[in-house]
Amino acid sequence: MATLKRVGPGSAFKVGFAVYGILGLILGVIFALISLLGGPLLGGAFPLGAQPGVFRMFFGIGAVIMFPVCYGIIGGIGAVILALLYNLVAGWMGGLEVDIS
């Protein structure tokens, strides 16, 4: 058994950014598809008088670009916070015991 005593915040940020960025890409594609399919179903009823082209562009291709960036940044920051908390608690408790082969 090996003991994991410390997690590097920099590596935690990279992994959190990548994992949540991929999740954001998947959700962005799903959101864009729903947006593009939902446009014709709404007819002329767009929120707050928005034009259909603006609505589709912002929620369509914009979601594919913005979701991964936003999710990645938030996930990376969250991973850094959790790594710092883990390091603090592992200092008190001794860390996780893991079996590495």
N, C-alpha and C. Protein backbone atom coordinates (compact mmCIF):
# COMPACT_ATOMS: atom_id res chain seq x y z
N MET A 1 0.83 -1.18 0.00
CA MET A 1 0.00 0.00 0.00
C MET A 1 0.88 1.25 0.00
N ALA A 2 0.48 2.20 -0.81
CA ALA A 2 1.14 3.50 -0.84
C ALA A 2 0.16 4.54 -0.29
N THR A 3 0.69 5.61 0.24
CA THR A 3 -0.16 6.66 0.81
C THR A 3 -0.04 7.92 -0.02
N LEU A 4 -1.19 8.40 -0.45
CA LEU A 4 -1.26 9.66 -1.20
C LEU A 4 -1.32 10.79 -0.18
N LYS A 5 -0.22 11.51 -0.03
CA LYS A 5 -0.13 12.53 1.01
C LYS A 5 -0.42 13.94 0.49
N ARG A 6 -0.25 14.16 -0.81
CA ARG A 6 -0.41 15.52 -1.34
C ARG A 6 -0.87 15.47 -2.79
N VAL A 7 -1.73 16.39 -3.15
CA VAL A 7 -2.17 16.55 -4.53
C VAL A 7 -1.71 17.94 -4.98
N GLY A 8 -0.99 18.00 -6.09
CA GLY A 8 -0.52 19.29 -6.60
C GLY A 8 -1.67 20.10 -7.16
N PRO A 9 -1.87 21.34 -6.68
CA PRO A 9 -2.97 22.17 -7.18
C PRO A 9 -2.88 22.45 -8.69
N GLY A 10 -1.65 22.58 -9.21
CA GLY A 10 -1.50 22.83 -10.65
C GLY A 10 -1.98 21.66 -11.48
N SER A 11 -1.61 20.45 -11.08
CA SER A 11 -2.07 19.27 -11.83
C SER A 11 -3.56 19.05 -11.62
N ALA A 12 -4.07 19.38 -10.42
CA ALA A 12 -5.51 19.27 -10.19
C ALA A 12 -6.27 20.23 -11.10
N PHE A 13 -5.73 21.46 -11.29
CA PHE A 13 -6.39 22.41 -12.18
C PHE A 13 -6.43 21.88 -13.61
N LYS A 14 -5.30 21.32 -14.09
CA LYS A 14 -5.26 20.82 -15.46
C LYS A 14 -6.26 19.70 -15.67
N VAL A 15 -6.31 18.77 -14.72
CA VAL A 15 -7.25 17.64 -14.85
C VAL A 15 -8.69 18.13 -14.74
N GLY A 16 -8.98 19.00 -13.77
CA GLY A 16 -10.33 19.53 -13.61
C GLY A 16 -10.77 20.33 -14.82
N PHE A 17 -9.85 21.14 -15.38
CA PHE A 17 -10.17 21.92 -16.58
C PHE A 17 -10.50 21.00 -17.75
N ALA A 18 -9.69 19.95 -17.94
CA ALA A 18 -9.92 19.03 -19.06
C ALA A 18 -11.21 18.24 -18.90
N VAL A 19 -11.43 17.69 -17.71
CA VAL A 19 -12.63 16.87 -17.49
C VAL A 19 -13.90 17.71 -17.62
N TYR A 20 -13.92 18.85 -16.97
CA TYR A 20 -15.11 19.69 -17.04
C TYR A 20 -15.24 20.38 -18.40
N GLY A 21 -14.14 20.62 -19.09
CA GLY A 21 -14.21 21.14 -20.45
C GLY A 21 -14.87 20.15 -21.40
N ILE A 22 -14.52 18.87 -21.26
CA ILE A 22 -15.16 17.83 -22.08
C ILE A 22 -16.64 17.73 -21.75
N LEU A 23 -16.96 17.77 -20.46
CA LEU A 23 -18.37 17.75 -20.05
C LEU A 23 -19.11 18.96 -20.64
N GLY A 24 -18.48 20.13 -20.59
CA GLY A 24 -19.09 21.33 -21.15
C GLY A 24 -19.29 21.23 -22.65
N LEU A 25 -18.35 20.59 -23.35
CA LEU A 25 -18.50 20.40 -24.79
C LEU A 25 -19.69 19.50 -25.10
N ILE A 26 -19.82 18.41 -24.36
CA ILE A 26 -20.95 17.50 -24.57
C ILE A 26 -22.26 18.23 -24.29
N LEU A 27 -22.33 18.93 -23.18
CA LEU A 27 -23.57 19.67 -22.85
C LEU A 27 -23.82 20.81 -23.83
N GLY A 28 -22.76 21.46 -24.30
CA GLY A 28 -22.93 22.53 -25.28
C GLY A 28 -23.50 22.03 -26.59
N VAL A 29 -23.03 20.87 -27.05
CA VAL A 29 -23.56 20.27 -28.28
C VAL A 29 -25.03 19.90 -28.10
N ILE A 30 -25.35 19.29 -26.95
CA ILE A 30 -26.75 18.92 -26.69
C ILE A 30 -27.62 20.18 -26.63
N PHE A 31 -27.15 21.21 -25.94
CA PHE A 31 -27.90 22.45 -25.82
C PHE A 31 -28.08 23.11 -27.19
N ALA A 32 -27.04 23.07 -28.02
CA ALA A 32 -27.13 23.66 -29.36
C ALA A 32 -28.13 22.91 -30.22
N LEU A 33 -28.11 21.59 -30.15
CA LEU A 33 -29.07 20.80 -30.93
C LEU A 33 -30.50 21.06 -30.49
N ILE A 34 -30.72 21.13 -29.19
CA ILE A 34 -32.06 21.44 -28.69
C ILE A 34 -32.47 22.84 -29.13
N SER A 35 -31.55 23.77 -29.10
CA SER A 35 -31.84 25.14 -29.51
C SER A 35 -32.20 25.20 -30.99
N LEU A 36 -31.42 24.50 -31.80
CA LEU A 36 -31.69 24.53 -33.24
C LEU A 36 -32.99 23.82 -33.59
N LEU A 37 -33.31 22.76 -32.87
CA LEU A 37 -34.56 22.06 -33.13
C LEU A 37 -35.75 22.79 -32.53
N GLY A 38 -35.51 23.50 -31.40
CA GLY A 38 -36.60 24.19 -30.73
C GLY A 38 -37.00 25.49 -31.40
N GLY A 39 -36.13 26.06 -32.21
CA GLY A 39 -36.44 27.31 -32.89
C GLY A 39 -37.70 27.23 -33.74
N PRO A 40 -37.80 26.24 -34.63
CA PRO A 40 -39.02 26.13 -35.43
C PRO A 40 -40.26 25.81 -34.59
N LEU A 41 -40.07 25.15 -33.46
CA LEU A 41 -41.22 24.82 -32.62
C LEU A 41 -41.79 26.04 -31.91
N LEU A 42 -40.92 27.03 -31.66
CA LEU A 42 -41.39 28.23 -30.97
C LEU A 42 -42.19 29.16 -31.88
N GLY A 43 -42.05 29.00 -33.17
CA GLY A 43 -42.73 29.89 -34.09
C GLY A 43 -42.17 31.29 -33.97
N GLY A 44 -42.98 32.27 -33.62
CA GLY A 44 -42.50 33.63 -33.48
C GLY A 44 -42.34 34.05 -32.02
N ALA A 45 -42.51 33.13 -31.09
CA ALA A 45 -42.49 33.47 -29.67
C ALA A 45 -41.08 33.36 -29.10
N PHE A 46 -40.30 34.41 -29.27
CA PHE A 46 -38.95 34.44 -28.71
C PHE A 46 -38.95 35.32 -27.47
N PRO A 47 -38.15 34.97 -26.48
CA PRO A 47 -38.18 35.74 -25.23
C PRO A 47 -37.69 37.17 -25.40
N LEU A 48 -38.40 38.09 -24.77
CA LEU A 48 -38.04 39.51 -24.73
C LEU A 48 -37.85 40.12 -26.12
N GLY A 49 -38.58 39.64 -27.08
CA GLY A 49 -38.53 40.21 -28.42
C GLY A 49 -37.25 39.93 -29.18
N ALA A 50 -36.49 38.91 -28.78
CA ALA A 50 -35.23 38.59 -29.48
C ALA A 50 -35.53 38.09 -30.89
N GLN A 51 -34.63 38.37 -31.78
CA GLN A 51 -34.78 37.92 -33.16
C GLN A 51 -34.36 36.45 -33.26
N PRO A 52 -34.98 35.67 -34.14
CA PRO A 52 -34.64 34.26 -34.26
C PRO A 52 -33.16 34.01 -34.57
N GLY A 53 -32.55 34.83 -35.42
CA GLY A 53 -31.15 34.63 -35.77
C GLY A 53 -30.23 34.82 -34.58
N VAL A 54 -30.51 35.83 -33.78
CA VAL A 54 -29.71 36.10 -32.59
C VAL A 54 -29.90 34.97 -31.59
N PHE A 55 -31.13 34.53 -31.43
CA PHE A 55 -31.45 33.45 -30.50
C PHE A 55 -30.69 32.18 -30.87
N ARG A 56 -30.74 31.81 -32.13
CA ARG A 56 -30.07 30.58 -32.58
C ARG A 56 -28.55 30.70 -32.50
N MET A 57 -28.02 31.88 -32.83
CA MET A 57 -26.56 32.03 -32.81
C MET A 57 -26.05 31.97 -31.38
N PHE A 58 -26.71 32.66 -30.45
CA PHE A 58 -26.24 32.69 -29.07
C PHE A 58 -26.38 31.33 -28.41
N PHE A 59 -27.51 30.70 -28.58
CA PHE A 59 -27.75 29.43 -27.91
C PHE A 59 -27.33 28.24 -28.75
N GLY A 60 -27.04 28.44 -30.01
CA GLY A 60 -26.60 27.34 -30.87
C GLY A 60 -25.11 27.17 -30.82
N ILE A 61 -24.41 27.82 -31.73
CA ILE A 61 -22.96 27.68 -31.81
C ILE A 61 -22.28 28.34 -30.61
N GLY A 62 -22.90 29.34 -30.03
CA GLY A 62 -22.34 29.99 -28.84
C GLY A 62 -22.23 29.03 -27.67
N ALA A 63 -23.19 28.12 -27.55
CA ALA A 63 -23.16 27.15 -26.46
C ALA A 63 -21.99 26.18 -26.63
N VAL A 64 -21.70 25.82 -27.87
CA VAL A 64 -20.60 24.89 -28.14
C VAL A 64 -19.25 25.54 -27.81
N ILE A 65 -19.18 26.84 -27.90
CA ILE A 65 -17.93 27.55 -27.59
C ILE A 65 -17.88 27.92 -26.10
N MET A 66 -18.96 28.47 -25.58
CA MET A 66 -18.94 29.02 -24.22
C MET A 66 -19.04 27.95 -23.13
N PHE A 67 -19.82 26.91 -23.33
CA PHE A 67 -19.98 25.89 -22.30
C PHE A 67 -18.65 25.25 -21.92
N PRO A 68 -17.85 24.77 -22.88
CA PRO A 68 -16.58 24.15 -22.48
C PRO A 68 -15.64 25.12 -21.76
N VAL A 69 -15.61 26.37 -22.20
CA VAL A 69 -14.73 27.35 -21.56
C VAL A 69 -15.19 27.62 -20.13
N CYS A 70 -16.46 27.90 -19.96
CA CYS A 70 -16.99 28.21 -18.62
C CYS A 70 -16.89 26.99 -17.70
N TYR A 71 -17.33 25.84 -18.18
CA TYR A 71 -17.25 24.63 -17.36
C TYR A 71 -15.80 24.30 -17.03
N GLY A 72 -14.89 24.46 -17.99
CA GLY A 72 -13.48 24.16 -17.76
C GLY A 72 -12.88 25.05 -16.69
N ILE A 73 -13.14 26.35 -16.77
CA ILE A 73 -12.58 27.28 -15.79
C ILE A 73 -13.16 27.01 -14.40
N ILE A 74 -14.46 26.84 -14.32
CA ILE A 74 -15.09 26.58 -13.02
C ILE A 74 -14.63 25.24 -12.46
N GLY A 75 -14.54 24.22 -13.33
CA GLY A 75 -14.06 22.90 -12.87
C GLY A 75 -12.62 22.94 -12.42
N GLY A 76 -11.78 23.70 -13.12
CA GLY A 76 -10.38 23.82 -12.73
C GLY A 76 -10.22 24.51 -11.39
N ILE A 77 -10.97 25.59 -11.19
CA ILE A 77 -10.92 26.31 -9.91
C ILE A 77 -11.44 25.41 -8.78
N GLY A 78 -12.51 24.68 -9.05
CA GLY A 78 -13.03 23.75 -8.06
C GLY A 78 -12.03 22.66 -7.71
N ALA A 79 -11.32 22.16 -8.71
CA ALA A 79 -10.32 21.12 -8.46
C ALA A 79 -9.16 21.65 -7.62
N VAL A 80 -8.76 22.89 -7.84
CA VAL A 80 -7.69 23.50 -7.03
C VAL A 80 -8.15 23.64 -5.58
N ILE A 81 -9.37 24.10 -5.38
CA ILE A 81 -9.90 24.25 -4.01
C ILE A 81 -9.95 22.89 -3.32
N LEU A 82 -10.43 21.86 -4.03
CA LEU A 82 -10.49 20.53 -3.44
C LEU A 82 -9.10 19.96 -3.17
N ALA A 83 -8.13 20.23 -4.04
CA ALA A 83 -6.76 19.76 -3.81
C ALA A 83 -6.18 20.42 -2.56
N LEU A 84 -6.41 21.71 -2.41
CA LEU A 84 -5.92 22.41 -1.21
C LEU A 84 -6.58 21.88 0.06
N LEU A 85 -7.89 21.62 -0.01
CA LEU A 85 -8.58 21.04 1.14
C LEU A 85 -8.07 19.64 1.45
N TYR A 86 -7.85 18.84 0.39
CA TYR A 86 -7.31 17.50 0.59
C TYR A 86 -5.94 17.56 1.26
N ASN A 87 -5.08 18.44 0.79
CA ASN A 87 -3.75 18.57 1.37
C ASN A 87 -3.82 18.96 2.84
N LEU A 88 -4.75 19.82 3.19
CA LEU A 88 -4.92 20.23 4.57
C LEU A 88 -5.37 19.06 5.44
N VAL A 89 -6.39 18.35 4.99
CA VAL A 89 -6.93 17.23 5.75
C VAL A 89 -5.94 16.06 5.77
N ALA A 90 -5.26 15.82 4.67
CA ALA A 90 -4.27 14.74 4.64
C ALA A 90 -3.12 15.01 5.60
N GLY A 91 -2.81 16.27 5.85
CA GLY A 91 -1.80 16.61 6.84
C GLY A 91 -2.23 16.22 8.25
N TRP A 92 -3.53 16.30 8.51
CA TRP A 92 -4.05 15.91 9.82
C TRP A 92 -4.23 14.41 9.95
N MET A 93 -4.78 13.78 8.88
CA MET A 93 -5.19 12.38 8.95
C MET A 93 -4.16 11.40 8.37
N GLY A 94 -3.26 11.87 7.56
CA GLY A 94 -2.25 10.99 7.00
C GLY A 94 -2.45 10.64 5.53
N GLY A 95 -3.52 11.00 4.91
CA GLY A 95 -3.71 10.77 3.48
C GLY A 95 -4.48 9.48 3.18
N LEU A 96 -4.68 9.25 1.90
CA LEU A 96 -5.39 8.05 1.42
C LEU A 96 -4.41 6.91 1.21
N GLU A 97 -4.82 5.73 1.57
CA GLU A 97 -4.02 4.56 1.25
C GLU A 97 -4.53 3.99 -0.07
N VAL A 98 -3.63 3.86 -1.03
CA VAL A 98 -4.00 3.34 -2.34
C VAL A 98 -3.11 2.16 -2.68
N ASP A 99 -3.67 1.21 -3.41
CA ASP A 99 -2.92 0.06 -3.87
C ASP A 99 -2.55 0.31 -5.33
N ILE A 100 -1.26 0.45 -5.61
CA ILE A 100 -0.78 0.76 -6.95
C ILE A 100 -0.06 -0.47 -7.49
N SER A 101 -0.45 -0.88 -8.69
CA SER A 101 0.25 -2.04 -9.29
C SER A 101 0.81 -1.68 -10.64
